[in-house]
Protein backbone atom coordinates (compact mmCIF):
# COMPACT_ATOMS: atom_id res chain seq x y z
CA UNK A 1 0.00 0.00 0.00
CA UNK A 2 1.38 3.43 -0.80
CA UNK A 3 1.94 5.98 1.94
CA UNK A 4 -0.71 8.36 0.60
CA UNK A 5 -3.62 5.88 0.72
CA UNK A 6 -2.47 4.49 4.08
CA UNK A 7 -2.33 8.00 5.47
CA UNK A 8 -5.79 8.85 4.10
CA UNK A 9 -7.33 5.77 5.69
CA UNK A 10 -5.69 6.47 9.04
CA UNK A 11 -6.87 10.09 8.94
CA UNK A 12 -10.37 8.88 8.19
CA UNK A 13 -10.22 6.55 11.21
CA UNK A 14 -8.78 9.24 13.44
CA UNK A 15 -11.47 11.73 12.38
CA UNK A 16 -14.21 9.23 13.21
CA UNK A 17 -12.73 8.62 16.64
CA UNK A 18 -12.38 12.34 17.17
CA UNK A 19 -16.07 12.97 16.53
CA UNK A 20 -17.07 10.32 19.05
CA UNK A 21 -14.42 10.93 21.71
CA UNK A 22 -13.44 14.63 21.74
CA UNK A 23 -16.26 16.18 19.70
CA UNK A 24 -18.40 16.70 22.80
CA UNK A 25 -15.58 18.86 24.21
CA UNK A 26 -15.66 21.17 21.19
CA UNK A 27 -12.65 19.85 19.26
CA UNK A 28 -12.95 19.13 15.56
CA UNK A 29 -9.73 17.11 15.19
CA UNK A 30 -7.36 15.10 17.35
CA UNK A 31 -4.61 17.58 16.40
CA UNK A 32 -6.71 20.47 17.72
CA UNK A 33 -7.33 18.51 20.93
CA UNK A 34 -3.60 17.80 21.34
CA UNK A 35 -2.66 21.43 20.66
CA UNK A 36 -5.26 23.16 22.86
CA UNK A 37 -6.63 20.50 25.20
CA UNK A 38 -4.12 20.81 28.03
CA UNK A 39 -4.64 24.60 28.24
CA UNK A 40 -8.42 24.40 27.84
CA UNK A 41 -9.11 21.44 30.13
CA UNK A 42 -6.34 21.58 32.76
CA UNK A 43 -6.26 18.40 34.90
CA UNK A 44 -9.23 16.97 33.02
CA UNK A 45 -6.98 16.72 29.90
CA UNK A 46 -4.94 13.85 31.41
CA UNK A 47 -8.10 12.01 32.50
CA UNK A 48 -9.54 12.38 29.02
CA UNK A 49 -6.30 11.13 27.42
CA UNK A 50 -6.41 8.01 29.62
CA UNK A 51 -10.05 7.49 28.66
CA UNK A 52 -9.22 7.90 24.95
CA UNK A 53 -6.45 5.30 25.26
CA UNK A 54 -9.02 2.82 26.59
CA UNK A 55 -11.60 3.70 23.92
CA UNK A 56 -12.29 0.86 21.47
CA UNK A 57 -15.03 0.77 18.85
CA UNK A 58 -14.80 -3.06 18.63
CA UNK A 59 -15.48 -2.79 14.95
CA UNK A 60 -13.91 -3.55 11.60
CA UNK A 61 -14.70 -2.33 8.11
CA UNK A 62 -14.03 -3.68 4.65
CA UNK A 63 -13.06 -0.98 2.17
CA UNK A 64 -13.35 -1.86 -1.51
CA UNK A 65 -12.70 0.17 -4.63
CA UNK A 66 -10.62 0.48 -7.76
CA UNK A 67 -7.25 2.14 -8.32
CA UNK A 68 -6.45 4.44 -11.27
CA UNK A 69 -5.79 1.40 -13.49
CA UNK A 70 -9.26 0.07 -12.50
CA UNK A 71 -7.82 -2.90 -10.59
CA UNK A 72 -9.96 -3.98 -7.64
CA UNK A 73 -8.56 -3.23 -4.18
CA UNK A 74 -9.70 -4.61 -0.82
CA UNK A 75 -8.61 -3.52 2.65
CA UNK A 76 -9.75 -4.33 6.16
CA UNK A 77 -9.68 -1.49 8.68
CA UNK A 78 -9.66 -2.39 12.37
CA UNK A 79 -9.76 0.00 15.28
CA UNK A 80 -7.73 2.19 15.79
CA UNK A 81 -6.98 2.61 12.09
CA UNK A 82 -4.94 -0.58 11.63
CA UNK A 83 -5.08 -1.41 7.91
CA UNK A 84 -4.83 -4.98 6.55
CA UNK A 85 -4.17 -5.41 2.82
CA UNK A 86 -6.49 -8.22 1.59
CA UNK A 87 -5.43 -8.05 -2.06
CA UNK A 88 -3.30 -11.20 -2.10
CA UNK A 89 -6.12 -13.43 -0.83
CA UNK A 90 -8.66 -11.48 -2.95
CA UNK A 91 -11.42 -11.80 -0.35
CA UNK A 92 -11.94 -10.89 3.28
CA UNK A 93 -14.30 -11.70 6.12
CA UNK A 94 -15.10 -9.68 9.24
CA UNK A 95 -17.52 -9.99 12.12
CA UNK A 96 -18.86 -12.62 14.45
CA UNK A 97 -19.42 -15.11 11.60
CA UNK A 98 -15.75 -14.91 10.57
CA UNK A 99 -14.78 -18.51 11.40
CA UNK A 100 -17.74 -20.14 9.65
CA UNK A 101 -17.56 -17.87 6.60
CA UNK A 102 -13.80 -18.26 6.20
CA UNK A 103 -14.05 -22.04 6.56
CA UNK A 104 -16.69 -22.07 3.83
CA UNK A 105 -14.53 -19.98 1.49
CA UNK A 106 -11.50 -22.20 2.04
CA UNK A 107 -13.43 -25.46 1.70
CA UNK A 108 -12.78 -27.36 -1.53
CA UNK A 109 -13.11 -26.79 -4.35
CA UNK A 110 -10.89 -23.70 -4.41
CA UNK A 111 -12.49 -20.47 -5.60
CA UNK A 112 -12.06 -19.90 -9.32
CA UNK A 113 -12.52 -16.10 -9.15
CA UNK A 114 -14.89 -16.25 -12.10
CA UNK A 115 -17.65 -13.74 -11.35
CA UNK A 116 -20.60 -16.10 -10.94
CA UNK A 117 -18.56 -18.63 -8.94
CA UNK A 118 -17.21 -15.89 -6.68
CA UNK A 119 -20.70 -14.52 -6.01
CA UNK A 120 -22.00 -18.01 -5.21
CA UNK A 121 -19.07 -18.79 -2.89
CA UNK A 122 -19.51 -15.48 -1.04
CA UNK A 123 -23.24 -16.20 -0.64
CA UNK A 124 -22.42 -19.70 0.57
CA UNK A 125 -20.05 -18.19 3.16
CA UNK A 126 -22.75 -15.73 4.29
CA UNK A 127 -25.37 -18.50 4.56
CA UNK A 128 -22.90 -20.62 6.58
CA UNK A 129 -22.21 -17.73 8.96
CA UNK A 130 -25.87 -16.75 9.43
CA UNK A 131 -26.21 -18.70 12.68
CA UNK A 132 -23.43 -16.73 14.40
CA UNK A 133 -24.49 -14.17 16.99
CA UNK A 134 -25.19 -10.85 15.29
CA UNK A 135 -25.15 -12.10 11.68
CA UNK A 136 -28.76 -13.01 10.92
CA UNK A 137 -30.55 -14.25 7.83
CA UNK A 138 -30.96 -11.02 5.81
CA UNK A 139 -28.60 -10.90 2.83
CA UNK A 140 -27.97 -8.13 0.33
CA UNK A 141 -25.63 -8.49 -2.64
CA UNK A 142 -24.34 -5.30 -4.24
CA UNK A 143 -22.18 -5.71 -7.32
CA UNK A 144 -19.94 -2.83 -8.40
CA UNK A 145 -17.92 -2.94 -11.58
CA UNK A 146 -14.71 -1.04 -12.33
CA UNK A 147 -16.68 1.72 -14.06
CA UNK A 148 -18.69 2.37 -10.89
CA UNK A 149 -21.94 0.73 -12.03
CA UNK A 150 -23.75 -0.75 -9.01
CA UNK A 151 -26.36 -3.50 -9.34
CA UNK A 152 -28.23 -5.48 -6.68
CA UNK A 153 -29.24 -9.12 -6.82
CA UNK A 154 -32.96 -9.44 -6.20
CA UNK A 155 -34.31 -11.00 -3.01
CA UNK A 156 -35.84 -13.73 -5.17
CA UNK A 157 -32.46 -14.56 -6.76
CA UNK A 158 -30.79 -14.72 -3.33
CA UNK A 159 -33.57 -16.93 -1.90
CA UNK A 160 -33.40 -19.30 -4.89
CA UNK A 161 -29.64 -19.65 -4.47
CA UNK A 162 -30.12 -20.24 -0.73
CA UNK A 163 -32.62 -23.05 -1.42
CA UNK A 164 -30.13 -24.70 -3.78
CA UNK A 165 -27.35 -24.30 -1.20
CA UNK A 166 -29.51 -25.86 1.54
CA UNK A 167 -30.51 -28.75 -0.70
CA UNK A 168 -27.04 -29.47 -2.12
CA UNK A 169 -24.71 -28.46 0.72
CA UNK A 170 -26.25 -27.62 4.09
CA UNK A 171 -28.83 -30.40 4.39
CA UNK A 172 -26.75 -33.15 2.78
CA UNK A 173 -26.51 -36.16 5.13
CA UNK A 174 -23.19 -37.79 5.94
CA UNK A 175 -22.07 -40.04 3.06
CA UNK A 176 -23.33 -43.62 3.64
CA UNK A 177 -19.95 -45.15 2.66
CA UNK A 178 -18.20 -43.08 5.34
CA UNK A 179 -20.82 -44.03 7.95
CA UNK A 180 -20.33 -47.70 7.11
CA UNK A 181 -16.56 -47.43 7.69
CA UNK A 182 -17.19 -45.79 11.06
CA UNK A 183 -19.84 -48.35 12.05
CA UNK A 184 -17.29 -51.12 11.41
CA UNK A 185 -14.40 -49.30 13.09
CA UNK A 186 -12.95 -51.11 16.08
CA UNK A 187 -12.05 -47.76 17.71
CA UNK A 188 -15.60 -46.45 17.35
CA UNK A 189 -17.10 -49.66 18.72
CA UNK A 190 -14.78 -49.62 21.74
CA UNK A 191 -15.40 -45.92 22.38
CA UNK A 192 -19.15 -46.63 22.28
CA UNK A 193 -18.72 -49.37 24.89
CA UNK A 194 -19.09 -52.33 22.52
CA UNK A 195 -16.58 -55.18 22.61
């Protein structure tokens, strides 16, 4: 990542924190707070600095866009402005459903990065993560091309794909051949108390 974009993202994060944390004290920027806070607030300045050090939004954001050459770029921004470059992996997951969604994306077969396959795999990851606390069932898919055109999949399209996913992936029983091997396994029989 170049210094300029990194700096812009960090300034954006700092400004957001400023509005929440020092805005009520009349400061528009962290720099203004640092420059004038000690004089304006006296002893309360140190208390506020300690409080700001403890402040945590407990949130992450995914930032997506295109560079000047119209190549897609993806970054994760964690509090307090820590930036993770996700461009090598070409996808990212955040939130309470992270483990389930990431496991789904890494499950064979590997992603092809063809558009339709990528959309399906991302939906599959979202459906897998839906049971995590705070994720929920509602799903919106916004597609943005390198020229800035934004399109949404319809609710009907998403629900149809979800039905196919449930039928072909989520509700598929364990393979009978694998169950037979386990039923005949000496270790399984002994663990179950059989001799």
